[in-house]
Amino acid sequence: MMGTRAGGLIRHAEDWRAITTLNMYRSLISFGLVGALLFGAAEGMFDVELPDAFRMTSLLYLALCALGLVAALLRKPALRIQVVVACAVDIVVFTALTLAGSGVSGGLGMLLITPVAAAGMLLPSRVATLLAACAALGILGQETWRALQLPGGHAEFVQAGILGGVFFITAGVAHWLALRVRESEALAAERASEVRDLAALNRHIIEQMEVGVVVVNGRRQVQLINDAAIRLLELDERSHAGRALARLSPALDSALSQWSAHNPAASEIIRAGSHALLPVFSMLGDNDRAGALIFLEDALRQNEQAQQLKLMSIGRLSASIAHEIRNPLGAISHAGQLLAESPSLGPDDNRMLAIIHRHTRRIDGIINSVLGLSRRSQTSRRTLALSNWLDDAIEDYLTFDDDSPDFDVEAIDPQLQVEFDPDHLRQVLFNLWDNAKAYARRDGVVLTIHLSGHRNRSDRFCLDVCDNGPGIDETIFNQILEPFFTTTREGTGLGLHIAAELCDANGAQLVPVAHSGGACFRIVFAPRRTSPAPTPASPMPSNVNDFD
């Protein structure tokens, strides 16, 4: 990992490893020199002319190398001090050994190239150049001393000068190479940081996607799975990385196997718990062992989107047709009212007028129902505090209806919130209550509508709307929500269907449930997606009074 630059010296773990390696190299050299002395081979190898000086210098060098190795392992003192001291010690020691031996021709001076190269790599250029100059001056100086002080000595100034030039070149090249390496390391670290940031960003985006994403390797082991996929596959919240896809979702693993074998143009819908999922597969490589990218989409949600588009068109068409019908219908109704004021009408005429009035009202009800069905495409979900919202809805219903039933509401958690268009929820409940008023009344029994709530096994909140009427005939149980299905001549067969469609548009479900005490309908609300503040939307009375 890159460290900070201070005074031209980059201090990081690699530099400490370099100084440790240098001290190990120096220790080996010192052991070699002392070993050569112990076995009596030093004088023959190096043509030693000053054996006492050579012996003392070698032993001192061994001790200093041991201290340097310990200091490097302890990382005390600072790195720059250790490098400077080690290089300075080598310059002094090898200059002395060269002097004690046969001079520059003996080859001991070549050992200075390594510490000079280390100085070029680990120290600022000025310090490295200074140490190279000291090494060159030391070699030239010992040659001069040999020529002046040793009897019969001769100096190899040309060879010493060449070796000094090698020191400068070595220091310069080593420093340049070290700078290039460190610049490359810094660039690689910067690129690696950018890659990590992009990976974290991609992971964050994937986690926030509402579409489920699963990445598996060639062995069908999960490498990545986002929260949406965990929710759609109904898995627990613990980490699933590395687990076999067949254990997490056998149905999805089977679908992936079929897709890999046949590579169909379209995927089939699979079941995962209570969800119907549409998986979309994509290979991450060209060979059979490559991994796969799996997108999971809620089939119900796709159907909702398709229904939304279809109903938008139907809504515009039905609104236009209803408008065209309402105009002549209004004229017929108004003409009938004027005709009823005529004093010359007989009983048969009045009976015919009553038929006209009754059927114009029925047609007007059908028009209102069709317009209500078209409003399904205009959904604006809000977060509602259900307990308070129900109290307001019941109060409004009682205010605008003189023949209202009694209401029995079980306590619902005041903190409970649901997502629903308030106008749609008002229309659903009013349709259910109107339906109970029309078909659940019995002689001598006060009509009571019971409201209660609970959570189902999928942790979705359910609101039950039940009455104390005769209940729903088992033979029509599966038909009661179908459009235009009615058990009376006066009904339009659209009230409950509209209620079910409005629930579906809000991600909820309206289902009839078996109930021993009368008819019962259950609203299964959609799971919460976000947590906005509850909307204090007060329901207004409905103007749609269709009976089933």
Protein backbone atom coordinates (compact mmCIF):
# COMPACT_ATOMS: atom_id res chain seq x y z
CA MET A 1 0.00 0.00 0.00
CA MET A 2 1.42 3.38 -0.93
CA GLY A 3 2.48 5.68 1.84
CA THR A 4 3.17 9.41 2.04
CA ARG A 5 5.98 11.23 0.28
CA ALA A 6 8.23 13.16 2.66
CA GLY A 7 11.41 14.84 1.50
CA GLY A 8 11.64 12.67 -1.62
CA LEU A 9 11.50 9.38 0.33
CA ILE A 10 8.46 7.18 -0.13
CA ARG A 11 7.92 5.16 3.03
CA HIS A 12 5.86 2.05 2.53
CA ALA A 13 6.02 -1.67 3.24
CA GLU A 14 8.03 -2.44 0.10
CA ASP A 15 10.82 -0.07 1.21
CA TRP A 16 11.09 -1.83 4.57
CA ARG A 17 11.30 -5.16 2.81
CA ALA A 18 14.02 -3.71 0.57
CA ILE A 19 16.17 -2.51 3.49
CA THR A 20 15.66 -5.88 5.22
CA THR A 21 16.78 -7.68 2.06
CA LEU A 22 19.80 -5.35 1.76
CA ASN A 23 20.84 -6.12 5.36
CA MET A 24 20.48 -9.85 4.73
CA TYR A 25 22.72 -9.47 1.64
CA ARG A 26 25.27 -7.49 3.70
CA SER A 27 25.16 -10.14 6.43
CA LEU A 28 25.88 -12.88 3.89
CA ILE A 29 28.83 -10.90 2.55
CA SER A 30 30.18 -10.40 6.08
CA PHE A 31 29.75 -14.10 6.89
CA GLY A 32 31.61 -14.93 3.68
CA LEU A 33 34.48 -12.64 4.57
CA VAL A 34 34.77 -13.97 8.12
CA GLY A 35 34.49 -17.55 6.85
CA ALA A 36 37.28 -16.93 4.37
CA LEU A 37 39.43 -15.64 7.26
CA LEU A 38 38.63 -18.63 9.45
CA PHE A 39 39.57 -21.11 6.75
CA GLY A 40 42.65 -19.12 5.72
CA ALA A 41 41.42 -18.51 2.22
CA ALA A 42 41.14 -14.72 2.39
CA GLU A 43 44.78 -13.96 1.63
CA GLY A 44 44.75 -16.13 -1.45
CA MET A 45 41.42 -14.90 -2.76
CA PHE A 46 41.96 -11.16 -2.27
CA ASP A 47 45.76 -10.85 -2.25
CA VAL A 48 45.59 -9.32 1.20
CA GLU A 49 48.50 -7.02 1.89
CA LEU A 50 47.36 -5.76 5.31
CA PRO A 51 45.98 -8.92 7.03
CA ASP A 52 45.40 -7.36 10.44
CA ALA A 53 43.37 -4.48 8.99
CA PHE A 54 41.47 -6.89 6.77
CA ARG A 55 40.67 -9.16 9.74
CA MET A 56 39.50 -6.37 12.05
CA THR A 57 37.44 -4.71 9.33
CA SER A 58 35.68 -7.99 8.43
CA LEU A 59 34.79 -8.76 12.07
CA LEU A 60 33.56 -5.21 12.65
CA TYR A 61 31.49 -5.43 9.47
CA LEU A 62 29.88 -8.67 10.67
CA ALA A 63 28.83 -7.02 13.92
CA LEU A 64 27.49 -3.91 12.18
CA CYS A 65 25.50 -6.03 9.68
CA ALA A 66 23.90 -7.95 12.54
CA LEU A 67 22.87 -4.70 14.21
CA GLY A 68 21.52 -3.37 10.90
CA LEU A 69 19.44 -6.52 10.34
CA VAL A 70 17.91 -6.28 13.82
CA ALA A 71 17.13 -2.58 13.30
CA ALA A 72 15.45 -3.34 9.96
CA LEU A 73 13.30 -6.05 11.53
CA LEU A 74 12.33 -3.71 14.41
CA ARG A 75 11.85 -0.79 11.96
CA LYS A 76 13.74 1.52 14.30
CA PRO A 77 15.17 4.06 13.72
CA ALA A 78 13.54 5.66 10.68
CA LEU A 79 13.96 4.13 7.24
CA ARG A 80 16.06 6.98 5.80
CA ILE A 81 18.51 6.85 8.71
CA GLN A 82 18.95 3.09 8.33
CA VAL A 83 19.58 3.33 4.58
CA VAL A 84 22.08 6.18 4.96
CA VAL A 85 23.93 4.44 7.81
CA ALA A 86 24.04 1.08 5.98
CA CYS A 87 25.37 2.67 2.78
CA ALA A 88 27.90 4.79 4.69
CA VAL A 89 29.13 1.75 6.63
CA ASP A 90 29.51 -0.22 3.38
CA ILE A 91 31.45 2.61 1.75
CA VAL A 92 33.86 2.83 4.68
CA VAL A 93 34.19 -0.95 5.13
CA PHE A 94 34.66 -1.86 1.48
CA THR A 95 37.05 1.03 0.94
CA ALA A 96 39.10 -0.25 3.89
CA LEU A 97 38.94 -3.84 2.63
CA THR A 98 39.98 -2.72 -0.85
CA LEU A 99 42.90 -0.87 0.70
CA ALA A 100 43.87 -3.87 2.84
CA GLY A 101 43.64 -6.16 -0.17
CA SER A 102 45.22 -5.60 -3.52
CA GLY A 103 43.39 -2.41 -4.36
CA VAL A 104 40.71 -1.89 -6.96
CA SER A 105 42.13 -4.69 -9.06
CA GLY A 106 41.23 -7.18 -6.33
CA GLY A 107 37.50 -6.76 -7.09
CA LEU A 108 36.31 -5.90 -3.53
CA GLY A 109 35.37 -2.41 -4.69
CA MET A 110 32.68 -3.92 -6.92
CA LEU A 111 30.75 -4.84 -3.77
CA LEU A 112 29.95 -1.12 -3.38
CA ILE A 113 27.63 -1.22 -6.40
CA THR A 114 24.85 -2.92 -4.41
CA PRO A 115 24.62 -0.37 -1.55
CA VAL A 116 24.90 2.50 -4.04
CA ALA A 117 22.01 1.00 -6.04
CA ALA A 118 20.01 0.64 -2.80
CA ALA A 119 20.66 4.28 -2.01
CA GLY A 120 19.40 5.27 -5.47
CA MET A 121 16.20 3.28 -4.98
CA LEU A 122 15.40 4.26 -1.39
CA LEU A 123 16.82 7.78 -0.96
CA PRO A 124 16.32 11.15 -2.61
CA SER A 125 18.46 11.73 -5.66
CA ARG A 126 20.77 14.26 -3.94
CA VAL A 127 21.55 11.94 -1.04
CA ALA A 128 22.06 8.99 -3.40
CA THR A 129 24.41 11.06 -5.58
CA LEU A 130 26.33 12.16 -2.48
CA LEU A 131 26.82 8.57 -1.37
CA ALA A 132 27.94 7.57 -4.89
CA ALA A 133 30.44 10.44 -4.82
CA CYS A 134 31.73 9.30 -1.42
CA ALA A 135 32.14 5.73 -2.74
CA ALA A 136 34.03 7.00 -5.83
CA LEU A 137 36.25 9.26 -3.71
CA GLY A 138 36.90 6.42 -1.29
CA ILE A 139 38.06 4.12 -4.09
CA LEU A 140 40.25 6.86 -5.63
CA GLY A 141 41.53 7.84 -2.21
CA GLN A 142 42.62 4.34 -1.24
CA GLU A 143 44.43 4.01 -4.59
CA THR A 144 46.25 7.28 -3.90
CA TRP A 145 47.14 6.12 -0.37
CA ARG A 146 48.44 2.80 -1.71
CA ALA A 147 50.64 4.62 -4.22
CA LEU A 148 52.08 6.91 -1.57
CA GLN A 149 52.33 4.71 1.51
CA LEU A 150 52.78 1.08 0.49
CA PRO A 151 56.33 0.05 -0.57
CA GLY A 152 56.35 -0.85 -4.20
CA GLY A 153 52.68 0.01 -4.48
CA HIS A 154 51.19 1.00 -7.78
CA ALA A 155 47.84 2.70 -8.34
CA GLU A 156 45.08 1.73 -10.79
CA PHE A 157 43.60 5.21 -11.20
CA VAL A 158 41.94 4.48 -14.54
CA GLN A 159 40.20 1.40 -13.20
CA ALA A 160 39.25 3.29 -10.02
CA GLY A 161 37.85 6.16 -12.11
CA ILE A 162 35.80 3.77 -14.21
CA LEU A 163 34.43 2.14 -11.06
CA GLY A 164 33.56 5.58 -9.66
CA GLY A 165 31.69 6.40 -12.84
CA VAL A 166 29.82 3.11 -12.52
CA PHE A 167 28.74 4.21 -9.02
CA PHE A 168 27.20 7.42 -10.37
CA ILE A 169 25.48 5.63 -13.23
CA THR A 170 24.16 2.94 -10.90
CA ALA A 171 22.73 5.51 -8.45
CA GLY A 172 21.09 7.49 -11.26
CA VAL A 173 19.58 4.51 -13.06
CA ALA A 174 18.38 2.91 -9.82
CA HIS A 175 16.74 6.16 -8.73
CA TRP A 176 15.05 6.61 -12.12
CA LEU A 177 13.78 3.04 -12.15
CA ALA A 178 12.50 3.40 -8.57
CA LEU A 179 10.60 6.55 -9.52
CA ARG A 180 9.03 4.81 -12.52
CA VAL A 181 8.04 1.83 -10.39
CA ARG A 182 6.51 4.03 -7.72
CA GLU A 183 4.65 6.09 -10.27
CA SER A 184 3.31 2.87 -11.76
CA GLU A 185 2.33 1.68 -8.29
CA ALA A 186 0.58 4.97 -7.58
CA LEU A 187 -1.27 4.79 -10.90
CA ALA A 188 -2.21 1.15 -10.26
CA ALA A 189 -3.43 2.04 -6.77
CA GLU A 190 -5.49 4.91 -8.18
CA ARG A 191 -7.00 2.66 -10.84
CA ALA A 192 -7.67 -0.02 -8.24
CA SER A 193 -9.42 2.56 -6.06
CA GLU A 194 -11.53 3.65 -9.01
CA VAL A 195 -12.41 0.03 -9.76
CA ARG A 196 -13.38 -0.53 -6.12
CA ASP A 197 -15.50 2.62 -6.16
CA LEU A 198 -17.21 1.55 -9.38
CA ALA A 199 -17.79 -1.93 -7.98
CA ALA A 200 -19.27 -0.45 -4.82
CA LEU A 201 -21.43 1.88 -6.91
CA ASN A 202 -22.62 -0.98 -9.11
CA ARG A 203 -23.38 -3.08 -6.06
CA HIS A 204 -25.32 -0.19 -4.52
CA ILE A 205 -27.30 0.33 -7.72
CA ILE A 206 -28.05 -3.39 -7.95
CA GLU A 207 -29.15 -3.45 -4.32
CA GLN A 208 -31.55 -0.57 -4.94
CA MET A 209 -33.08 -2.11 -8.08
CA GLU A 210 -36.66 -3.28 -7.78
CA VAL A 211 -35.88 -6.05 -10.27
CA GLY A 212 -34.30 -9.10 -8.67
CA VAL A 213 -30.70 -9.78 -9.73
CA VAL A 214 -28.84 -13.06 -9.16
CA VAL A 215 -25.31 -13.80 -10.43
CA VAL A 216 -24.12 -17.43 -10.42
CA ASN A 217 -20.81 -18.94 -11.48
CA GLY A 218 -20.26 -21.95 -13.70
CA ARG A 219 -20.85 -24.31 -10.76
CA ARG A 220 -24.26 -22.71 -10.13
CA GLN A 221 -23.07 -21.05 -6.91
CA VAL A 222 -24.52 -17.66 -6.05
CA GLN A 223 -21.97 -14.86 -6.35
CA LEU A 224 -24.34 -11.91 -5.92
CA ILE A 225 -27.99 -11.54 -4.98
CA ASN A 226 -29.77 -8.27 -4.26
CA ASP A 227 -32.52 -7.51 -1.77
CA ALA A 228 -35.25 -7.58 -4.41
CA ALA A 229 -34.29 -11.15 -5.41
CA ILE A 230 -34.21 -12.21 -1.75
CA ARG A 231 -37.71 -10.78 -1.31
CA LEU A 232 -39.08 -12.31 -4.51
CA LEU A 233 -37.58 -15.74 -3.75
CA GLU A 234 -38.79 -15.41 -0.12
CA LEU A 235 -35.35 -16.13 1.37
CA ASP A 236 -34.05 -15.14 4.77
CA GLU A 237 -31.88 -12.06 5.20
CA ARG A 238 -28.55 -13.83 5.85
CA SER A 239 -25.76 -13.92 3.29
CA HIS A 240 -26.34 -16.32 0.41
CA ALA A 241 -23.03 -15.84 -1.43
CA GLY A 242 -21.38 -19.14 -2.26
CA ARG A 243 -24.52 -21.22 -1.74
CA ALA A 244 -25.83 -23.51 -4.46
CA LEU A 245 -28.68 -22.08 -6.52
CA ALA A 246 -30.48 -25.43 -6.35
CA ARG A 247 -30.71 -25.12 -2.56
CA LEU A 248 -31.96 -21.53 -2.66
CA SER A 249 -34.54 -22.03 -5.41
CA PRO A 250 -34.89 -25.42 -7.11
CA ALA A 251 -37.44 -23.96 -9.54
CA LEU A 252 -35.03 -21.23 -10.66
CA ASP A 253 -32.17 -23.72 -10.98
CA SER A 254 -34.37 -25.98 -13.12
CA ALA A 255 -35.40 -23.03 -15.30
CA LEU A 256 -31.72 -22.07 -15.76
CA SER A 257 -30.89 -25.65 -16.77
CA GLN A 258 -33.67 -25.70 -19.33
CA TRP A 259 -32.62 -22.33 -20.69
CA SER A 260 -28.98 -23.42 -20.94
CA ALA A 261 -29.98 -26.58 -22.80
CA HIS A 262 -32.46 -25.05 -25.23
CA ASN A 263 -31.78 -21.28 -25.01
CA PRO A 264 -35.41 -20.36 -25.71
CA ALA A 265 -36.36 -16.91 -26.87
CA ALA A 266 -38.65 -16.39 -23.87
CA SER A 267 -38.50 -17.69 -20.30
CA GLU A 268 -41.37 -19.44 -18.58
CA ILE A 269 -43.02 -18.23 -15.40
CA ILE A 270 -41.90 -20.07 -12.26
CA ARG A 271 -43.38 -20.19 -8.78
CA ALA A 272 -41.36 -19.13 -5.74
CA GLY A 273 -43.51 -19.27 -2.64
CA SER A 274 -46.41 -16.87 -3.14
CA HIS A 275 -44.74 -15.09 -6.08
CA ALA A 276 -45.05 -15.81 -9.79
CA LEU A 277 -41.68 -14.86 -11.31
CA LEU A 278 -40.53 -14.29 -14.86
CA PRO A 279 -36.76 -15.02 -15.02
CA VAL A 280 -34.58 -13.58 -17.77
CA PHE A 281 -31.19 -15.27 -18.24
CA SER A 282 -27.96 -14.02 -19.78
CA MET A 283 -24.62 -15.86 -20.05
CA LEU A 284 -21.53 -14.10 -18.72
CA GLY A 285 -19.14 -15.87 -21.11
CA ASP A 286 -18.87 -17.86 -24.30
CA ASN A 287 -18.17 -21.34 -22.92
CA ASP A 288 -20.36 -23.81 -21.09
CA ARG A 289 -18.61 -23.21 -17.77
CA ALA A 290 -19.34 -19.48 -17.75
CA GLY A 291 -21.62 -17.99 -15.13
CA ALA A 292 -25.06 -16.54 -15.69
CA LEU A 293 -26.85 -13.30 -14.90
CA ILE A 294 -30.47 -13.77 -13.86
CA PHE A 295 -33.08 -11.00 -13.71
CA LEU A 296 -36.24 -11.78 -11.75
CA GLU A 297 -39.38 -9.82 -12.45
CA ASP A 298 -42.69 -10.15 -10.65
CA ALA A 299 -45.10 -11.55 -13.25
CA LEU A 300 -48.02 -10.00 -11.38
CA ARG A 301 -46.40 -6.59 -11.61
CA GLN A 302 -45.82 -7.01 -15.33
CA ASN A 303 -49.43 -7.98 -15.75
CA GLU A 304 -50.41 -4.90 -13.77
CA GLN A 305 -48.39 -2.68 -16.07
CA ALA A 306 -49.96 -4.29 -19.14
CA GLN A 307 -53.38 -3.91 -17.58
CA GLN A 308 -52.64 -0.27 -16.82
CA LEU A 309 -51.82 0.42 -20.45
CA LYS A 310 -54.86 -1.48 -21.67
CA LEU A 311 -57.20 0.16 -19.21
CA MET A 312 -55.95 3.61 -20.05
CA SER A 313 -57.14 3.04 -23.60
CA ILE A 314 -60.38 1.42 -22.43
CA GLY A 315 -60.93 4.24 -19.97
CA ARG A 316 -60.66 6.91 -22.63
CA LEU A 317 -62.97 4.95 -24.92
CA SER A 318 -65.55 4.17 -22.23
CA ALA A 319 -65.56 7.75 -20.98
CA SER A 320 -66.22 8.98 -24.50
CA ILE A 321 -69.02 6.45 -25.04
CA ALA A 322 -70.58 7.19 -21.64
CA HIS A 323 -70.53 10.89 -22.41
CA GLU A 324 -72.25 10.32 -25.74
CA ILE A 325 -74.92 8.15 -24.10
CA ARG A 326 -75.49 10.44 -21.15
CA ASN A 327 -76.48 13.40 -23.29
CA PRO A 328 -79.49 11.73 -24.99
CA LEU A 329 -80.29 9.91 -21.75
CA GLY A 330 -80.51 13.22 -19.94
CA ALA A 331 -82.84 14.50 -22.64
CA ILE A 332 -85.08 11.40 -22.29
CA SER A 333 -85.16 11.71 -18.51
CA HIS A 334 -85.98 15.41 -18.67
CA ALA A 335 -88.73 14.81 -21.25
CA GLY A 336 -90.21 12.12 -19.02
CA GLN A 337 -90.27 14.48 -16.05
CA LEU A 338 -92.03 17.15 -18.13
CA LEU A 339 -94.53 14.59 -19.44
CA ALA A 340 -95.30 13.43 -15.91
CA GLU A 341 -96.51 16.94 -15.05
CA SER A 342 -99.30 16.71 -17.65
CA PRO A 343 -102.79 16.46 -16.00
CA SER A 344 -104.24 14.50 -18.88
CA LEU A 345 -102.25 11.32 -18.26
CA GLY A 346 -104.10 8.18 -17.31
CA PRO A 347 -102.99 5.28 -15.10
CA ASP A 348 -101.49 3.35 -18.03
CA ASP A 349 -99.51 6.42 -19.08
CA ASN A 350 -98.17 6.93 -15.56
CA ARG A 351 -97.15 3.26 -15.44
CA MET A 352 -95.25 3.66 -18.68
CA LEU A 353 -93.56 6.83 -17.37
CA ALA A 354 -92.52 4.96 -14.23
CA ILE A 355 -90.89 2.31 -16.41
CA ILE A 356 -89.06 5.06 -18.34
CA HIS A 357 -87.83 6.69 -15.11
CA ARG A 358 -86.72 3.38 -13.61
CA HIS A 359 -84.75 2.33 -16.68
CA THR A 360 -83.19 5.75 -17.24
CA ARG A 361 -81.91 5.60 -13.66
CA ARG A 362 -80.58 2.09 -14.31
CA ILE A 363 -78.80 3.22 -17.48
CA ASP A 364 -77.41 6.20 -15.58
CA GLY A 365 -76.09 3.78 -12.98
CA ILE A 366 -74.42 1.68 -15.67
CA ILE A 367 -72.78 4.82 -17.08
CA ASN A 368 -71.48 5.75 -13.64
CA SER A 369 -70.13 2.21 -13.24
CA VAL A 370 -68.34 2.33 -16.58
CA LEU A 371 -66.84 5.70 -15.69
CA GLY A 372 -65.78 4.26 -12.34
CA LEU A 373 -64.06 1.37 -14.11
CA SER A 374 -62.21 3.81 -16.35
CA ARG A 375 -60.85 5.62 -13.28
CA ARG A 376 -58.80 2.49 -12.51
CA SER A 377 -56.08 3.76 -14.83
CA GLN A 378 -55.73 6.95 -12.75
CA THR A 379 -53.97 5.54 -9.68
CA SER A 380 -52.19 7.79 -7.18
CA ARG A 381 -51.07 5.70 -4.24
CA ARG A 382 -50.52 7.33 -0.89
CA THR A 383 -49.56 6.07 2.53
CA LEU A 384 -52.65 5.98 4.75
CA ALA A 385 -52.91 5.52 8.50
CA LEU A 386 -55.66 2.92 8.14
CA SER A 387 -57.27 3.14 11.59
CA ASN A 388 -57.97 6.87 11.47
CA TRP A 389 -58.80 6.72 7.77
CA LEU A 390 -61.51 4.08 8.37
CA ASP A 391 -63.08 6.17 11.12
CA ASP A 392 -63.33 9.12 8.73
CA ALA A 393 -64.69 6.92 5.92
CA ILE A 394 -67.43 5.47 8.13
CA GLU A 395 -68.36 8.94 9.40
CA ASP A 396 -68.67 10.23 5.82
CA TYR A 397 -70.75 7.21 4.77
CA LEU A 398 -73.14 7.67 7.69
CA THR A 399 -73.43 11.39 6.99
CA PHE A 400 -74.45 11.04 3.36
CA ASP A 401 -76.69 7.95 3.68
CA ASP A 402 -79.89 8.08 5.72
CA ASP A 403 -80.42 4.30 5.59
CA SER A 404 -76.95 3.30 6.75
CA PRO A 405 -76.18 0.04 8.57
CA ASP A 406 -74.48 -0.26 11.93
CA PHE A 407 -70.69 -0.62 11.96
CA ASP A 408 -68.65 -2.82 14.29
CA VAL A 409 -64.94 -2.05 13.94
CA GLU A 410 -62.31 -4.10 15.73
CA ALA A 411 -59.34 -2.15 17.06
CA ILE A 412 -56.61 -1.68 14.40
CA ASP A 413 -53.12 -0.58 15.32
CA PRO A 414 -53.06 3.24 14.96
CA GLN A 415 -49.48 3.01 13.63
CA LEU A 416 -50.47 0.66 10.81
CA GLN A 417 -49.97 2.20 7.37
CA VAL A 418 -51.06 0.90 3.96
CA GLU A 419 -50.43 2.11 0.42
CA PHE A 420 -53.61 2.82 -1.55
CA ASP A 421 -55.20 5.56 -3.58
CA PRO A 422 -57.58 7.12 -1.01
CA ASP A 423 -60.30 7.80 -3.60
CA HIS A 424 -60.09 4.20 -4.84
CA LEU A 425 -60.19 2.75 -1.33
CA ARG A 426 -63.20 4.93 -0.53
CA GLN A 427 -65.00 3.65 -3.64
CA VAL A 428 -64.13 0.01 -2.85
CA LEU A 429 -65.48 0.21 0.69
CA PHE A 430 -68.56 2.19 -0.27
CA ASN A 431 -69.36 -0.36 -3.00
CA LEU A 432 -68.99 -3.21 -0.50
CA TRP A 433 -71.18 -1.43 2.04
CA ASP A 434 -73.79 -0.56 -0.57
CA ASN A 435 -73.76 -4.18 -1.69
CA ALA A 436 -74.38 -5.33 1.88
CA LYS A 437 -77.21 -2.80 2.24
CA ALA A 438 -78.89 -4.15 -0.87
CA TYR A 439 -78.54 -7.90 -0.30
CA ALA A 440 -77.83 -8.57 3.38
CA ARG A 441 -80.93 -7.09 5.04
CA ARG A 442 -83.26 -9.53 6.78
CA ASP A 443 -86.56 -8.86 8.46
CA GLY A 444 -86.23 -8.26 12.17
CA VAL A 445 -82.42 -8.14 12.08
CA VAL A 446 -80.39 -4.92 12.22
CA LEU A 447 -77.83 -4.92 9.42
CA THR A 448 -74.33 -4.78 10.90
CA ILE A 449 -71.06 -4.52 8.97
CA HIS A 450 -68.06 -5.89 10.83
CA LEU A 451 -64.55 -4.61 10.00
CA SER A 452 -61.46 -6.46 11.28
CA GLY A 453 -57.80 -6.71 10.32
CA HIS A 454 -54.98 -9.25 10.53
CA ARG A 455 -51.78 -10.27 8.77
CA ASN A 456 -51.58 -13.33 6.54
CA ARG A 457 -48.69 -15.78 6.25
CA SER A 458 -46.93 -13.46 3.76
CA ASP A 459 -47.08 -10.67 6.35
CA ARG A 460 -49.49 -8.66 4.19
CA PHE A 461 -52.22 -6.81 6.06
CA CYS A 462 -55.78 -7.95 5.36
CA LEU A 463 -59.00 -6.03 6.04
CA ASP A 464 -62.16 -8.17 6.30
CA VAL A 465 -65.52 -6.54 5.50
CA CYS A 466 -68.29 -8.88 6.70
CA ASP A 467 -72.04 -8.53 7.22
CA ASN A 468 -74.65 -10.49 9.16
CA GLY A 469 -76.80 -11.25 6.13
CA PRO A 470 -77.64 -14.57 4.50
CA GLY A 471 -74.16 -14.89 2.95
CA ILE A 472 -73.01 -15.86 -0.53
CA ASP A 473 -74.38 -18.93 -2.29
CA GLU A 474 -71.58 -21.46 -2.82
CA THR A 475 -72.64 -21.97 -6.45
CA ILE A 476 -71.79 -18.36 -7.37
CA PHE A 477 -68.77 -17.98 -5.11
CA ASN A 478 -66.26 -17.99 -7.98
CA GLN A 479 -68.39 -15.77 -10.25
CA ILE A 480 -69.29 -12.95 -7.93
CA LEU A 481 -66.39 -10.70 -8.99
CA GLU A 482 -66.88 -11.19 -12.71
CA PRO A 483 -68.11 -8.16 -14.71
CA PHE A 484 -71.85 -7.95 -15.38
CA PHE A 485 -72.61 -10.90 -13.10
CA THR A 486 -75.69 -10.15 -11.00
CA THR A 487 -78.42 -12.11 -9.23
CA THR A 488 -81.14 -9.49 -9.67
CA ARG A 489 -82.74 -7.72 -12.58
CA GLU A 490 -81.99 -4.33 -11.03
CA GLY A 491 -78.25 -4.90 -10.58
CA THR A 492 -75.59 -3.93 -13.11
CA GLY A 493 -73.04 -6.57 -12.15
CA LEU A 494 -70.24 -4.01 -12.03
CA GLY A 495 -70.03 -2.86 -8.41
CA LEU A 496 -67.93 -5.71 -7.01
CA HIS A 497 -65.99 -6.03 -10.25
CA ILE A 498 -65.04 -2.34 -10.07
CA ALA A 499 -64.00 -2.79 -6.42
CA ALA A 500 -61.81 -5.75 -7.37
CA GLU A 501 -60.26 -3.87 -10.32
CA LEU A 502 -59.49 -0.83 -8.15
CA CYS A 503 -57.80 -3.08 -5.59
CA ASP A 504 -55.78 -4.71 -8.36
CA ALA A 505 -54.70 -1.30 -9.68
CA ASN A 506 -53.26 -0.52 -6.25
CA GLY A 507 -51.37 -3.79 -5.91
CA ALA A 508 -54.00 -5.23 -3.56
CA GLN A 509 -56.51 -8.06 -3.92
CA LEU A 510 -60.22 -8.30 -3.21
CA VAL A 511 -61.38 -11.86 -2.58
CA PRO A 512 -64.60 -13.34 -1.18
CA VAL A 513 -63.98 -15.58 1.84
CA ALA A 514 -66.13 -18.20 3.47
CA HIS A 515 -67.90 -16.80 6.53
CA SER A 516 -70.49 -18.49 8.69
CA GLY A 517 -72.26 -15.29 9.70
CA GLY A 518 -72.89 -13.74 6.28
CA ALA A 519 -71.02 -12.41 3.26
CA CYS A 520 -67.37 -11.52 3.78
CA PHE A 521 -64.86 -9.84 1.46
CA ARG A 522 -61.16 -9.52 2.21
CA ILE A 523 -58.88 -6.71 0.99
CA VAL A 524 -55.26 -7.94 0.93
CA PHE A 525 -53.11 -4.80 0.82
CA ALA A 526 -49.84 -4.60 -1.10
CA PRO A 527 -46.60 -4.81 0.93
CA ARG A 528 -45.03 -1.49 1.79
CA ARG A 529 -42.25 -0.41 -0.62
CA THR A 530 -41.20 2.87 0.93
CA SER A 531 -41.83 4.67 4.18
CA PRO A 532 -43.18 8.14 3.40
CA ALA A 533 -45.17 10.10 5.94
CA PRO A 534 -48.84 9.09 6.10
CA THR A 535 -51.20 11.17 4.04
CA PRO A 536 -53.99 12.74 6.08
CA ALA A 537 -56.43 12.18 3.23
CA SER A 538 -60.05 12.24 4.39
CA PRO A 539 -62.36 10.13 2.24
CA MET A 540 -65.25 11.80 0.46
CA PRO A 541 -68.59 10.16 -0.18
CA SER A 542 -68.95 8.05 -3.34
CA ASN A 543 -71.41 8.93 -6.08
CA VAL A 544 -71.36 5.39 -7.49
CA ASN A 545 -74.09 3.22 -6.02
CA ASP A 546 -74.03 0.04 -8.12
CA PHE A 547 -75.54 -3.04 -6.62
CA ASP A 548 -74.61 -6.67 -7.27
